[in-house]
Amino acid sequence: MKRRIQRLALNRGTAVHVSGAKVRYIWPCGCKKTETIKTQLGPVTEQTAKLLVRNWRRNGVHLEQCKKHPDWYEAKNPLQRLNEENPEND
């Protein structure tokens, strides 16, 4: 049971809009990854990317397991700390 709680805590992070459809995802351990948000028709518009990031910064984004820090665990919700450490550009 403890492993499940730990994995759920690890997968919750935040995001920062970079430009266009590019978004930087941030894990609680500090790892970062920049990707382009795409649909089946191609990249999303910049406005859509900004709306998604705004929602993720408020509610958190579910990320895959961090490969570099698989045992990282933070008991408190890291969302507020992550948002303060990684402010939005605009």
N, C-alpha and C. Protein backbone atom coordinates (compact mmCIF):
# COMPACT_ATOMS: atom_id res chain seq x y z
N MET A 1 0.82 -1.20 0.00
CA MET A 1 0.00 0.00 0.00
C MET A 1 0.85 1.25 0.00
N LYS A 2 1.94 1.27 0.79
CA LYS A 2 2.79 2.45 0.84
C LYS A 2 3.40 2.75 -0.53
N ARG A 3 3.76 1.76 -1.30
CA ARG A 3 4.36 1.97 -2.62
C ARG A 3 3.39 2.71 -3.54
N ARG A 4 2.10 2.38 -3.48
CA ARG A 4 1.11 3.03 -4.33
C ARG A 4 0.99 4.51 -3.98
N ILE A 5 0.93 4.84 -2.70
CA ILE A 5 0.87 6.23 -2.27
C ILE A 5 2.11 6.97 -2.73
N GLN A 6 3.26 6.34 -2.59
CA GLN A 6 4.51 6.94 -3.00
C GLN A 6 4.50 7.23 -4.51
N ARG A 7 4.05 6.29 -5.32
CA ARG A 7 4.05 6.51 -6.77
C ARG A 7 3.09 7.61 -7.17
N LEU A 8 1.94 7.70 -6.53
CA LEU A 8 1.00 8.77 -6.85
C LEU A 8 1.60 10.13 -6.52
N ALA A 9 2.32 10.21 -5.40
CA ALA A 9 2.95 11.47 -5.01
C ALA A 9 4.06 11.83 -6.00
N LEU A 10 4.78 10.85 -6.50
CA LEU A 10 5.87 11.11 -7.43
C LEU A 10 5.37 11.63 -8.77
N ASN A 11 4.20 11.23 -9.19
CA ASN A 11 3.73 11.55 -10.52
C ASN A 11 3.06 12.91 -10.64
N ARG A 12 2.94 13.64 -9.54
CA ARG A 12 2.26 14.92 -9.60
C ARG A 12 3.29 16.04 -9.66
N GLY A 13 3.20 16.85 -10.73
CA GLY A 13 4.15 17.94 -10.91
C GLY A 13 3.45 19.18 -11.44
N THR A 14 4.23 20.09 -12.01
CA THR A 14 3.69 21.32 -12.57
C THR A 14 4.24 21.51 -13.97
N ALA A 15 3.84 22.60 -14.61
CA ALA A 15 4.27 22.89 -15.98
C ALA A 15 4.48 24.39 -16.14
N VAL A 16 5.32 24.75 -17.12
CA VAL A 16 5.57 26.14 -17.47
C VAL A 16 5.47 26.25 -18.98
N HIS A 17 4.70 27.23 -19.46
CA HIS A 17 4.59 27.46 -20.89
C HIS A 17 5.89 28.08 -21.39
N VAL A 18 6.50 27.49 -22.42
CA VAL A 18 7.76 27.99 -22.96
C VAL A 18 7.48 28.94 -24.11
N SER A 19 6.87 28.43 -25.18
CA SER A 19 6.47 29.24 -26.33
C SER A 19 5.67 28.35 -27.28
N GLY A 20 4.76 28.96 -28.02
CA GLY A 20 3.94 28.19 -28.95
C GLY A 20 3.24 27.05 -28.23
N ALA A 21 3.47 25.82 -28.70
CA ALA A 21 2.87 24.64 -28.08
C ALA A 21 3.87 23.93 -27.17
N LYS A 22 5.03 24.55 -26.90
CA LYS A 22 6.05 23.92 -26.06
C LYS A 22 5.79 24.20 -24.59
N VAL A 23 5.92 23.12 -23.80
CA VAL A 23 5.68 23.18 -22.35
C VAL A 23 6.82 22.47 -21.64
N ARG A 24 7.27 23.04 -20.52
CA ARG A 24 8.28 22.41 -19.68
C ARG A 24 7.57 21.79 -18.50
N TYR A 25 7.71 20.47 -18.34
CA TYR A 25 7.13 19.75 -17.21
C TYR A 25 8.18 19.65 -16.12
N ILE A 26 7.76 19.82 -14.85
CA ILE A 26 8.68 19.79 -13.72
C ILE A 26 8.20 18.79 -12.69
N TRP A 27 9.07 17.82 -12.35
CA TRP A 27 8.78 16.82 -11.32
C TRP A 27 9.13 17.38 -9.95
N PRO A 28 8.58 16.82 -8.88
CA PRO A 28 8.91 17.27 -7.52
C PRO A 28 10.39 17.11 -7.18
N CYS A 29 11.08 16.17 -7.81
CA CYS A 29 12.50 15.95 -7.53
C CYS A 29 13.38 17.00 -8.19
N GLY A 30 12.81 17.82 -9.08
CA GLY A 30 13.57 18.87 -9.74
C GLY A 30 13.87 18.59 -11.20
N CYS A 31 13.63 17.39 -11.67
CA CYS A 31 13.87 17.07 -13.07
C CYS A 31 12.89 17.83 -13.96
N LYS A 32 13.35 18.15 -15.18
CA LYS A 32 12.53 18.91 -16.12
C LYS A 32 12.60 18.27 -17.50
N LYS A 33 11.52 18.46 -18.27
CA LYS A 33 11.46 17.91 -19.62
C LYS A 33 10.59 18.85 -20.46
N THR A 34 11.09 19.28 -21.62
CA THR A 34 10.34 20.17 -22.50
C THR A 34 9.79 19.36 -23.67
N GLU A 35 8.50 19.50 -23.94
CA GLU A 35 7.84 18.79 -25.03
C GLU A 35 6.87 19.71 -25.74
N THR A 36 6.52 19.35 -26.97
CA THR A 36 5.48 20.03 -27.72
C THR A 36 4.18 19.27 -27.53
N ILE A 37 3.13 19.97 -27.13
CA ILE A 37 1.82 19.34 -26.94
C ILE A 37 1.20 19.12 -28.31
N LYS A 38 0.87 17.88 -28.62
CA LYS A 38 0.31 17.55 -29.93
C LYS A 38 -1.01 16.81 -29.80
N THR A 39 -1.84 16.96 -30.82
CA THR A 39 -3.06 16.16 -30.97
C THR A 39 -2.87 15.29 -32.20
N GLN A 40 -3.90 14.59 -32.60
CA GLN A 40 -3.80 13.77 -33.81
C GLN A 40 -3.62 14.64 -35.05
N LEU A 41 -4.06 15.89 -34.99
CA LEU A 41 -3.97 16.80 -36.13
C LEU A 41 -2.69 17.63 -36.13
N GLY A 42 -1.86 17.51 -35.10
CA GLY A 42 -0.62 18.26 -35.00
C GLY A 42 -0.54 19.04 -33.71
N PRO A 43 0.42 19.98 -33.63
CA PRO A 43 0.58 20.76 -32.39
C PRO A 43 -0.67 21.61 -32.09
N VAL A 44 -0.92 21.82 -30.81
CA VAL A 44 -2.04 22.67 -30.40
C VAL A 44 -1.65 24.13 -30.57
N THR A 45 -2.63 25.01 -30.52
CA THR A 45 -2.35 26.44 -30.64
C THR A 45 -1.69 26.95 -29.37
N GLU A 46 -1.06 28.10 -29.45
CA GLU A 46 -0.41 28.68 -28.28
C GLU A 46 -1.41 28.99 -27.18
N GLN A 47 -2.59 29.49 -27.58
CA GLN A 47 -3.63 29.81 -26.59
C GLN A 47 -4.09 28.55 -25.84
N THR A 48 -4.25 27.45 -26.55
CA THR A 48 -4.64 26.18 -25.92
C THR A 48 -3.55 25.70 -24.97
N ALA A 49 -2.30 25.82 -25.37
CA ALA A 49 -1.18 25.41 -24.51
C ALA A 49 -1.17 26.25 -23.23
N LYS A 50 -1.40 27.55 -23.35
CA LYS A 50 -1.42 28.42 -22.17
C LYS A 50 -2.56 28.05 -21.23
N LEU A 51 -3.73 27.73 -21.78
CA LEU A 51 -4.86 27.32 -20.94
C LEU A 51 -4.57 26.02 -20.21
N LEU A 52 -3.97 25.06 -20.90
CA LEU A 52 -3.61 23.79 -20.27
C LEU A 52 -2.61 24.01 -19.14
N VAL A 53 -1.59 24.84 -19.39
CA VAL A 53 -0.58 25.10 -18.37
C VAL A 53 -1.20 25.80 -17.17
N ARG A 54 -2.08 26.75 -17.40
CA ARG A 54 -2.74 27.45 -16.29
C ARG A 54 -3.51 26.45 -15.41
N ASN A 55 -4.20 25.52 -16.06
CA ASN A 55 -4.95 24.49 -15.32
C ASN A 55 -3.99 23.56 -14.56
N TRP A 56 -2.91 23.15 -15.21
CA TRP A 56 -1.95 22.25 -14.57
C TRP A 56 -1.26 22.92 -13.39
N ARG A 57 -0.99 24.22 -13.47
CA ARG A 57 -0.34 24.92 -12.36
C ARG A 57 -1.29 25.02 -11.16
N ARG A 58 -2.58 25.06 -11.43
CA ARG A 58 -3.57 25.13 -10.35
C ARG A 58 -3.83 23.76 -9.74
N ASN A 59 -3.96 22.73 -10.57
CA ASN A 59 -4.37 21.39 -10.12
C ASN A 59 -3.26 20.35 -10.10
N GLY A 60 -2.15 20.64 -10.75
CA GLY A 60 -1.08 19.66 -10.89
C GLY A 60 -1.25 18.86 -12.17
N VAL A 61 -0.16 18.40 -12.71
CA VAL A 61 -0.19 17.57 -13.91
C VAL A 61 0.34 16.20 -13.53
N HIS A 62 -0.29 15.15 -14.05
CA HIS A 62 0.15 13.79 -13.78
C HIS A 62 1.24 13.43 -14.79
N LEU A 63 2.42 13.16 -14.27
CA LEU A 63 3.59 12.84 -15.10
C LEU A 63 3.97 11.38 -14.94
N GLU A 64 4.69 10.84 -15.93
CA GLU A 64 5.20 9.48 -15.79
C GLU A 64 6.26 9.46 -14.70
N GLN A 65 6.65 8.29 -14.26
CA GLN A 65 7.63 8.13 -13.21
C GLN A 65 8.96 8.74 -13.64
N CYS A 66 9.61 9.49 -12.77
CA CYS A 66 10.94 10.05 -13.04
C CYS A 66 11.95 8.91 -13.11
N LYS A 67 12.69 8.83 -14.20
CA LYS A 67 13.65 7.74 -14.40
C LYS A 67 14.90 7.91 -13.55
N LYS A 68 15.31 9.17 -13.29
CA LYS A 68 16.54 9.42 -12.54
C LYS A 68 16.36 9.27 -11.03
N HIS A 69 15.14 9.53 -10.53
CA HIS A 69 14.89 9.50 -9.09
C HIS A 69 13.66 8.64 -8.79
N PRO A 70 13.73 7.33 -9.02
CA PRO A 70 12.55 6.48 -8.84
C PRO A 70 12.09 6.35 -7.40
N ASP A 71 12.96 6.65 -6.43
CA ASP A 71 12.58 6.50 -5.02
C ASP A 71 12.28 7.83 -4.35
N TRP A 72 12.21 8.92 -5.11
CA TRP A 72 11.93 10.24 -4.52
C TRP A 72 10.55 10.23 -3.90
N TYR A 73 10.45 10.79 -2.71
CA TYR A 73 9.16 10.86 -2.04
C TYR A 73 9.06 12.18 -1.28
N GLU A 74 7.96 12.88 -1.45
CA GLU A 74 7.69 14.12 -0.74
C GLU A 74 6.30 13.98 -0.13
N ALA A 75 6.23 13.97 1.19
CA ALA A 75 4.96 13.72 1.87
C ALA A 75 3.95 14.84 1.62
N LYS A 76 4.41 16.08 1.59
CA LYS A 76 3.50 17.20 1.36
C LYS A 76 3.26 17.38 -0.14
N ASN A 77 2.14 17.98 -0.49
CA ASN A 77 1.85 18.26 -1.88
C ASN A 77 2.88 19.26 -2.41
N PRO A 78 3.66 18.90 -3.44
CA PRO A 78 4.75 19.76 -3.91
C PRO A 78 4.30 20.88 -4.85
N LEU A 79 3.03 20.97 -5.17
CA LEU A 79 2.57 21.89 -6.21
C LEU A 79 2.88 23.36 -5.90
N GLN A 80 2.60 23.82 -4.70
CA GLN A 80 2.86 25.22 -4.37
C GLN A 80 4.35 25.53 -4.45
N ARG A 81 5.17 24.64 -3.91
CA ARG A 81 6.62 24.84 -3.95
C ARG A 81 7.12 24.87 -5.39
N LEU A 82 6.66 23.95 -6.22
CA LEU A 82 7.08 23.90 -7.62
C LEU A 82 6.69 25.16 -8.37
N ASN A 83 5.48 25.64 -8.14
CA ASN A 83 5.02 26.85 -8.82
C ASN A 83 5.83 28.08 -8.41
N GLU A 84 6.22 28.14 -7.12
CA GLU A 84 7.03 29.27 -6.64
C GLU A 84 8.45 29.19 -7.21
N GLU A 85 9.01 28.01 -7.30
CA GLU A 85 10.37 27.83 -7.82
C GLU A 85 10.44 28.00 -9.33
N ASN A 86 9.33 27.78 -10.03
CA ASN A 86 9.28 27.85 -11.49
C ASN A 86 8.15 28.77 -11.93
N PRO A 87 8.34 30.10 -11.82
CA PRO A 87 7.27 31.02 -12.16
C PRO A 87 6.97 31.05 -13.66
N GLU A 88 5.77 31.47 -14.01
CA GLU A 88 5.38 31.63 -15.42
C GLU A 88 6.14 32.81 -16.01
N ASN A 89 6.46 32.72 -17.28
CA ASN A 89 7.22 33.78 -17.96
C ASN A 89 6.39 35.02 -18.25
N ASP A 90 5.09 34.86 -18.54
CA ASP A 90 4.29 36.02 -18.92
C ASP A 90 3.31 36.39 -17.89
